């Protein structure tokens, strides 16, 4: 069971990194150094951006839950 949650944690970590990198830069950070601040966001956020935000939050919560469950399993295993 610990191996399964460890694999899930690795998958959620990689997926979370990918989702965070897919977000559009809002400016004021490192994204400005690479040209992300050049674009103007006049229309607000699109449906795709809102869905990306929701998916990122869900994957982040699953990542957190898998860390908690893995920690509890490891504590009870000893």
PDB file of N, CA and C in Angstrom:
ATOM      1  N   UNK A   1       0.826  -1.199   0.000  1.00  0.00           N
ATOM      2  CA  UNK A   1       0.000   0.000   0.000  1.00  0.00           C
ATOM      3  C   UNK A   1       0.868   1.259   0.000  1.00  0.00           C
ATOM      4  N   UNK A   2       2.000   1.176   0.699  1.00  0.00           N
ATOM      5  CA  UNK A   2       2.906   2.321   0.731  1.00  0.00           C
ATOM      6  C   UNK A   2       3.491   2.567  -0.653  1.00  0.00           C
ATOM      7  N   UNK A   3       3.779   1.490  -1.363  1.00  0.00           N
ATOM      8  CA  UNK A   3       4.341   1.634  -2.709  1.00  0.00           C
ATOM      9  C   UNK A   3       3.330   2.312  -3.640  1.00  0.00           C
ATOM     10  N   UNK A   4       2.065   1.952  -3.507  1.00  0.00           N
ATOM     11  CA  UNK A   4       1.031   2.560  -4.342  1.00  0.00           C
ATOM     12  C   UNK A   4       0.899   4.052  -4.104  1.00  0.00           C
ATOM     13  N   UNK A   5       0.915   4.459  -2.837  1.00  0.00           N
ATOM     14  CA  UNK A   5       0.814   5.891  -2.535  1.00  0.00           C
ATOM     15  C   UNK A   5       2.089   6.627  -2.919  1.00  0.00           C
ATOM     16  N   UNK A   6       3.231   5.948  -2.859  1.00  0.00           N
ATOM     17  CA  UNK A   6       4.480   6.574  -3.302  1.00  0.00           C
ATOM     18  C   UNK A   6       4.446   6.831  -4.802  1.00  0.00           C
ATOM     19  N   UNK A   7       3.947   5.863  -5.561  1.00  0.00           N
ATOM     20  CA  UNK A   7       3.820   6.050  -7.009  1.00  0.00           C
ATOM     21  C   UNK A   7       2.821   7.162  -7.309  1.00  0.00           C
ATOM     22  N   UNK A   8       1.700   7.181  -6.580  1.00  0.00           N
ATOM     23  CA  UNK A   8       0.697   8.238  -6.778  1.00  0.00           C
ATOM     24  C   UNK A   8       1.298   9.607  -6.463  1.00  0.00           C
ATOM     25  N   UNK A   9       2.129   9.685  -5.427  1.00  0.00           N
ATOM     26  CA  UNK A   9       2.761  10.957  -5.067  1.00  0.00           C
ATOM     27  C   UNK A   9       3.699  11.431  -6.176  1.00  0.00           C
ATOM     28  N   UNK A  10       4.443  10.517  -6.766  1.00  0.00           N
ATOM     29  CA  UNK A  10       5.340  10.888  -7.861  1.00  0.00           C
ATOM     30  C   UNK A  10       4.534  11.373  -9.064  1.00  0.00           C
ATOM     31  N   UNK A  11       3.461  10.667  -9.396  1.00  0.00           N
ATOM     32  CA  UNK A  11       2.624  11.063 -10.537  1.00  0.00           C
ATOM     33  C   UNK A  11       1.981  12.425 -10.289  1.00  0.00           C
ATOM     34  N   UNK A  12       1.428  12.627  -9.085  1.00  0.00           N
ATOM     35  CA  UNK A  12       0.804  13.918  -8.773  1.00  0.00           C
ATOM     36  C   UNK A  12       1.835  15.040  -8.769  1.00  0.00           C
ATOM     37  N   UNK A  13       3.055  14.769  -8.322  1.00  0.00           N
ATOM     38  CA  UNK A  13       4.101  15.796  -8.315  1.00  0.00           C
ATOM     39  C   UNK A  13       4.457  16.219  -9.728  1.00  0.00           C
ATOM     40  N   UNK A  14       4.653  15.244 -10.611  1.00  0.00           N
ATOM     41  CA  UNK A  14       4.985  15.573 -11.997  1.00  0.00           C
ATOM     42  C   UNK A  14       3.833  16.298 -12.690  1.00  0.00           C
ATOM     43  N   UNK A  15       2.612  15.850 -12.432  1.00  0.00           N
ATOM     44  CA  UNK A  15       1.445  16.494 -13.034  1.00  0.00           C
ATOM     45  C   UNK A  15       1.271  17.919 -12.513  1.00  0.00           C
ATOM     46  N   UNK A  16       1.530  18.124 -11.237  1.00  0.00           N
ATOM     47  CA  UNK A  16       1.414  19.462 -10.663  1.00  0.00           C
ATOM     48  C   UNK A  16       2.459  20.403 -11.250  1.00  0.00           C
ATOM     49  N   UNK A  17       3.678  19.911 -11.437  1.00  0.00           N
ATOM     50  CA  UNK A  17       4.711  20.746 -12.073  1.00  0.00           C
ATOM     51  C   UNK A  17       4.305  21.129 -13.490  1.00  0.00           C
ATOM     52  N   UNK A  18       3.783  20.177 -14.234  1.00  0.00           N
ATOM     53  CA  UNK A  18       3.354  20.444 -15.598  1.00  0.00           C
ATOM     54  C   UNK A  18       2.224  21.470 -15.633  1.00  0.00           C
ATOM     55  N   UNK A  19       1.251  21.312 -14.745  1.00  0.00           N
ATOM     56  CA  UNK A  19       0.118  22.244 -14.727  1.00  0.00           C
ATOM     57  C   UNK A  19       0.546  23.652 -14.328  1.00  0.00           C
ATOM     58  N   UNK A  20       1.455  23.762 -13.370  1.00  0.00           N
ATOM     59  CA  UNK A  20       1.922  25.093 -12.953  1.00  0.00           C
ATOM     60  C   UNK A  20       2.688  25.763 -14.089  1.00  0.00           C
ATOM     61  N   UNK A  21       3.486  24.988 -14.806  1.00  0.00           N
ATOM     62  CA  UNK A  21       4.231  25.564 -15.923  1.00  0.00           C
ATOM     63  C   UNK A  21       3.330  25.972 -17.082  1.00  0.00           C
ATOM     64  N   UNK A  22       2.159  25.385 -17.184  1.00  0.00           N
ATOM     65  CA  UNK A  22       1.228  25.731 -18.260  1.00  0.00           C
ATOM     66  C   UNK A  22       0.500  27.047 -18.008  1.00  0.00           C
ATOM     67  N   UNK A  23       0.493  27.530 -16.769  1.00  0.00           N
ATOM     68  CA  UNK A  23      -0.206  28.775 -16.460  1.00  0.00           C
ATOM     69  C   UNK A  23       0.462  29.955 -17.145  1.00  0.00           C
ATOM     70  N   UNK A  24      -0.363  30.923 -17.503  1.00  0.00           N
ATOM     71  CA  UNK A  24       0.131  32.143 -18.110  1.00  0.00           C
ATOM     72  C   UNK A  24       0.687  33.046 -17.020  1.00  0.00           C
ATOM     73  N   UNK A  25       1.817  33.664 -17.293  1.00  0.00           N
ATOM     74  CA  UNK A  25       2.438  34.550 -16.321  1.00  0.00           C
ATOM     75  C   UNK A  25       1.592  35.786 -16.077  1.00  0.00           C
ATOM     76  N   UNK A  26       1.445  36.168 -14.829  1.00  0.00           N
ATOM     77  CA  UNK A  26       0.643  37.342 -14.488  1.00  0.00           C
ATOM     78  C   UNK A  26       1.496  38.603 -14.402  1.00  0.00           C
ATOM     79  N   UNK A  27       2.799  38.475 -14.513  1.00  0.00           N
ATOM     80  CA  UNK A  27       3.674  39.631 -14.460  1.00  0.00           C
ATOM     81  C   UNK A  27       4.209  39.860 -13.064  1.00  0.00           C
ATOM     82  N   UNK A  28       5.315  40.571 -12.989  1.00  0.00           N
ATOM     83  CA  UNK A  28       5.903  40.895 -11.710  1.00  0.00           C
ATOM     84  C   UNK A  28       6.816  39.813 -11.167  1.00  0.00           C
ATOM     85  N   UNK A  29       7.011  38.746 -11.900  1.00  0.00           N
ATOM     86  CA  UNK A  29       7.855  37.669 -11.407  1.00  0.00           C
ATOM     87  C   UNK A  29       8.880  37.260 -12.446  1.00  0.00           C
ATOM     88  N   UNK A  30       9.267  36.011 -12.387  1.00  0.00           N
ATOM     89  CA  UNK A  30      10.254  35.510 -13.328  1.00  0.00           C
ATOM     90  C   UNK A  30       9.731  35.454 -14.748  1.00  0.00           C
ATOM     91  N   UNK A  31       8.408  35.407 -14.913  1.00  0.00           N
ATOM     92  CA  UNK A  31       7.855  35.346 -16.269  1.00  0.00           C
ATOM     93  C   UNK A  31       8.155  36.622 -17.053  1.00  0.00           C
ATOM     94  N   UNK A  32       8.380  37.746 -16.369  1.00  0.00           N
ATOM     95  CA  UNK A  32       8.734  38.983 -17.058  1.00  0.00           C
ATOM     96  C   UNK A  32      10.121  38.906 -17.685  1.00  0.00           C
ATOM     97  N   UNK A  33      11.002  38.155 -17.057  1.00  0.00           N
ATOM     98  CA  UNK A  33      12.362  38.031 -17.579  1.00  0.00           C
ATOM     99  C   UNK A  33      12.379  37.304 -18.916  1.00  0.00           C
ATOM    100  N   UNK A  34      11.426  36.419 -19.130  1.00  0.00           N
ATOM    101  CA  UNK A  34      11.407  35.623 -20.347  1.00  0.00           C
ATOM    102  C   UNK A  34      10.369  36.120 -21.352  1.00  0.00           C
ATOM    103  N   UNK A  35       9.884  37.323 -21.195  1.00  0.00           N
ATOM    104  CA  UNK A  35       8.966  37.899 -22.162  1.00  0.00           C
ATOM    105  C   UNK A  35       7.500  37.670 -21.854  1.00  0.00           C
ATOM    106  N   UNK A  36       7.185  37.139 -20.698  1.00  0.00           N
ATOM    107  CA  UNK A  36       5.790  36.888 -20.352  1.00  0.00           C
ATOM    108  C   UNK A  36       5.027  38.157 -20.034  1.00  0.00           C
ATOM    109  N   UNK A  37       5.722  39.202 -19.653  1.00  0.00           N
ATOM    110  CA  UNK A  37       5.059  40.451 -19.306  1.00  0.00           C
ATOM    111  C   UNK A  37       4.710  41.302 -20.505  1.00  0.00           C
ATOM    112  N   UNK A  38       5.118  40.916 -21.690  1.00  0.00           N
ATOM    113  CA  UNK A  38       4.855  41.696 -22.893  1.00  0.00           C
ATOM    114  C   UNK A  38       3.395  41.619 -23.321  1.00  0.00           C
ATOM    115  N   UNK A  39       2.730  40.544 -22.982  1.00  0.00           N
ATOM    116  CA  UNK A  39       1.362  40.347 -23.436  1.00  0.00           C
ATOM    117  C   UNK A  39       0.400  41.110 -22.536  1.00  0.00           C
ATOM    118  N   UNK A  40      -0.624  41.650 -23.137  1.00  0.00           N
ATOM    119  CA  UNK A  40      -1.634  42.330 -22.336  1.00  0.00           C
ATOM    120  C   UNK A  40      -2.834  41.414 -22.175  1.00  0.00           C
ATOM    121  N   UNK A  41      -3.359  41.383 -20.982  1.00  0.00           N
ATOM    122  CA  UNK A  41      -4.538  40.534 -20.724  1.00  0.00           C
ATOM    123  C   UNK A  41      -5.753  41.440 -20.624  1.00  0.00           C
ATOM    124  N   UNK A  42      -6.312  41.785 -21.764  1.00  0.00           N
ATOM    125  CA  UNK A  42      -7.414  42.731 -21.802  1.00  0.00           C
ATOM    126  C   UNK A  42      -8.753  42.035 -21.592  1.00  0.00           C
ATOM    127  N   UNK A  43      -8.919  40.815 -21.967  1.00  0.00           N
ATOM    128  CA  UNK A  43     -10.216  40.177 -21.909  1.00  0.00           C
ATOM    129  C   UNK A  43     -10.519  39.441 -20.623  1.00  0.00           C
ATOM    130  N   UNK A  44      -9.643  39.496 -19.648  1.00  0.00           N
ATOM    131  CA  UNK A  44      -9.842  38.694 -18.459  1.00  0.00           C
ATOM    132  C   UNK A  44      -9.399  37.270 -18.730  1.00  0.00           C
ATOM    133  N   UNK A  45      -9.801  36.361 -17.868  1.00  0.00           N
ATOM    134  CA  UNK A  45      -9.365  34.978 -18.055  1.00  0.00           C
ATOM    135  C   UNK A  45     -10.381  34.209 -18.887  1.00  0.00           C
ATOM    136  N   UNK A  46      -9.884  33.341 -19.712  1.00  0.00           N
ATOM    137  CA  UNK A  46     -10.754  32.561 -20.579  1.00  0.00           C
ATOM    138  C   UNK A  46     -11.232  31.316 -19.841  1.00  0.00           C
ATOM    139  N   UNK A  47     -12.097  30.579 -20.489  1.00  0.00           N
ATOM    140  CA  UNK A  47     -12.636  29.349 -19.907  1.00  0.00           C
ATOM    141  C   UNK A  47     -11.521  28.329 -19.717  1.00  0.00           C
ATOM    142  N   UNK A  48     -10.605  28.274 -20.665  1.00  0.00           N
ATOM    143  CA  UNK A  48      -9.497  27.320 -20.570  1.00  0.00           C
ATOM    144  C   UNK A  48      -8.611  27.634 -19.370  1.00  0.00           C
ATOM    145  N   UNK A  49      -8.368  28.913 -19.111  1.00  0.00           N
ATOM    146  CA  UNK A  49      -7.538  29.296 -17.971  1.00  0.00           C
ATOM    147  C   UNK A  49      -8.232  28.975 -16.653  1.00  0.00           C
ATOM    148  N   UNK A  50      -9.538  29.209 -16.597  1.00  0.00           N
ATOM    149  CA  UNK A  50     -10.276  28.880 -15.369  1.00  0.00           C
ATOM    150  C   UNK A  50     -10.290  27.380 -15.130  1.00  0.00           C
ATOM    151  N   UNK A  51     -10.459  26.599 -16.213  1.00  0.00           N
ATOM    152  CA  UNK A  51     -10.429  25.149 -16.055  1.00  0.00           C
ATOM    153  C   UNK A  51      -9.040  24.671 -15.640  1.00  0.00           C
ATOM    154  N   UNK A  52      -8.002  25.284 -16.171  1.00  0.00           N
ATOM    155  CA  UNK A  52      -6.641  24.942 -15.782  1.00  0.00           C
ATOM    156  C   UNK A  52      -6.412  25.257 -14.307  1.00  0.00           C
ATOM    157  N   UNK A  53      -6.963  26.377 -13.844  1.00  0.00           N
ATOM    158  CA  UNK A  53      -6.867  26.720 -12.427  1.00  0.00           C
ATOM    159  C   UNK A  53      -7.563  25.669 -11.564  1.00  0.00           C
ATOM    160  N   UNK A  54      -8.747  25.264 -11.966  1.00  0.00           N
ATOM    161  CA  UNK A  54      -9.494  24.259 -11.195  1.00  0.00           C
ATOM    162  C   UNK A  54      -8.771  22.924 -11.164  1.00  0.00           C
ATOM    163  N   UNK A  55      -8.255  22.502 -12.299  1.00  0.00           N
ATOM    164  CA  UNK A  55      -7.539  21.233 -12.358  1.00  0.00           C
ATOM    165  C   UNK A  55      -6.282  21.288 -11.494  1.00  0.00           C
ATOM    166  N   UNK A  56      -5.594  22.436 -11.508  1.00  0.00           N
ATOM    167  CA  UNK A  56      -4.389  22.590 -10.701  1.00  0.00           C
ATOM    168  C   UNK A  56      -4.717  22.507  -9.213  1.00  0.00           C
ATOM    169  N   UNK A  57      -5.813  23.120  -8.801  1.00  0.00           N
ATOM    170  CA  UNK A  57      -6.214  23.066  -7.389  1.00  0.00           C
ATOM    171  C   UNK A  57      -6.571  21.634  -6.989  1.00  0.00           C
ATOM    172  N   UNK A  58      -7.291  20.927  -7.836  1.00  0.00           N
ATOM    173  CA  UNK A  58      -7.681  19.544  -7.520  1.00  0.00           C
ATOM    174  C   UNK A  58      -6.451  18.649  -7.420  1.00  0.00           C
ATOM    175  N   UNK A  59      -5.519  18.784  -8.372  1.00  0.00           N
ATOM    176  CA  UNK A  59      -4.305  17.972  -8.322  1.00  0.00           C
ATOM    177  C   UNK A  59      -3.463  18.347  -7.103  1.00  0.00           C
ATOM    178  N   UNK A  60      -3.433  19.618  -6.750  1.00  0.00           N
ATOM    179  CA  UNK A  60      -2.711  20.038  -5.545  1.00  0.00           C
ATOM    180  C   UNK A  60      -3.311  19.442  -4.284  1.00  0.00           C
ATOM    181  N   UNK A  61      -4.623  19.395  -4.210  1.00  0.00           N
ATOM    182  CA  UNK A  61      -5.278  18.780  -3.048  1.00  0.00           C
ATOM    183  C   UNK A  61      -5.030  17.277  -2.995  1.00  0.00           C
ATOM    184  N   UNK A  62      -5.055  16.621  -4.147  1.00  0.00           N
ATOM    185  CA  UNK A  62      -4.747  15.193  -4.190  1.00  0.00           C
ATOM    186  C   UNK A  62      -3.298  14.931  -3.803  1.00  0.00           C
ATOM    187  N   UNK A  63      -2.390  15.801  -4.225  1.00  0.00           N
ATOM    188  CA  UNK A  63      -0.980  15.701  -3.859  1.00  0.00           C
ATOM    189  C   UNK A  63      -0.812  15.816  -2.345  1.00  0.00           C
ATOM    190  N   UNK A  64      -1.481  16.796  -1.753  1.00  0.00           N
ATOM    191  CA  UNK A  64      -1.415  16.997  -0.307  1.00  0.00           C
ATOM    192  C   UNK A  64      -2.001  15.800   0.441  1.00  0.00           C
ATOM    193  N   UNK A  65      -3.140  15.301  -0.032  1.00  0.00           N
ATOM    194  CA  UNK A  65      -3.781  14.154   0.625  1.00  0.00           C
ATOM    195  C   UNK A  65      -2.902  12.915   0.534  1.00  0.00           C
ATOM    196  N   UNK A  66      -2.236  12.726  -0.587  1.00  0.00           N
ATOM    197  CA  UNK A  66      -1.376  11.554  -0.705  1.00  0.00           C
ATOM    198  C   UNK A  66      -0.168  11.655   0.224  1.00  0.00           C
ATOM    199  N   UNK A  67       0.333  12.861   0.453  1.00  0.00           N
ATOM    200  CA  UNK A  67       1.439  13.039   1.410  1.00  0.00           C
ATOM    201  C   UNK A  67       0.968  12.705   2.822  1.00  0.00           C
ATOM    202  N   UNK A  68      -0.211  13.176   3.192  1.00  0.00           N
ATOM    203  CA  UNK A  68      -0.734  12.908   4.531  1.00  0.00           C
ATOM    204  C   UNK A  68      -0.973  11.411   4.726  1.00  0.00           C
ATOM    205  N   UNK A  69      -1.613  10.771   3.763  1.00  0.00           N
ATOM    206  CA  UNK A  69      -1.898   9.339   3.876  1.00  0.00           C
ATOM    207  C   UNK A  69      -0.604   8.535   3.905  1.00  0.00           C
ATOM    208  N   UNK A  70       0.359   8.910   3.072  1.00  0.00           N
ATOM    209  CA  UNK A  70       1.637   8.210   3.056  1.00  0.00           C
ATOM    210  C   UNK A  70       2.375   8.366   4.378  1.00  0.00           C
ATOM    211  N   UNK A  71       2.317   9.551   4.956  1.00  0.00           N
ATOM    212  CA  UNK A  71       2.936   9.767   6.266  1.00  0.00           C
ATOM    213  C   UNK A  71       2.278   8.942   7.358  1.00  0.00           C
ATOM    214  N   UNK A  72       0.947   8.873   7.335  1.00  0.00           N
ATOM    215  CA  UNK A  72       0.248   8.065   8.332  1.00  0.00           C
ATOM    216  C   UNK A  72       0.534   6.590   8.160  1.00  0.00           C
ATOM    217  N   UNK A  73       0.586   6.124   6.924  1.00  0.00           N
ATOM    218  CA  UNK A  73       0.890   4.712   6.680  1.00  0.00           C
ATOM    219  C   UNK A  73       2.297   4.361   7.131  1.00  0.00           C
ATOM    220  N   UNK A  74       3.233   5.237   6.883  1.00  0.00           N
ATOM    221  CA  UNK A  74       4.613   4.976   7.300  1.00  0.00           C
ATOM    222  C   UNK A  74       4.746   5.009   8.812  1.00  0.00           C
ATOM    223  N   UNK A  75       3.981   5.887   9.459  1.00  0.00           N
ATOM    224  CA  UNK A  75       4.027   5.951  10.918  1.00  0.00           C
ATOM    225  C   UNK A  75       3.426   4.698  11.528  1.00  0.00           C
ATOM    226  N   UNK A  76       2.321   4.221  10.978  1.00  0.00           N
ATOM    227  CA  UNK A  76       1.669   3.030  11.511  1.00  0.00           C
ATOM    228  C   UNK A  76       2.431   1.756  11.158  1.00  0.00           C
ATOM    229  N   UNK A  77       3.231   1.797  10.090  1.00  0.00           N
ATOM    230  CA  UNK A  77       3.996   0.623   9.670  1.00  0.00           C
ATOM    231  C   UNK A  77       5.136   0.335  10.645  1.00  0.00           C
ATOM    232  N   UNK A  78       5.672   1.363  11.258  1.00  0.00           N
ATOM    233  CA  UNK A  78       6.788   1.174  12.203  1.00  0.00           C
ATOM    234  C   UNK A  78       6.217   0.746  13.491  1.00  0.00           C
TER     235      UNK A  78
END
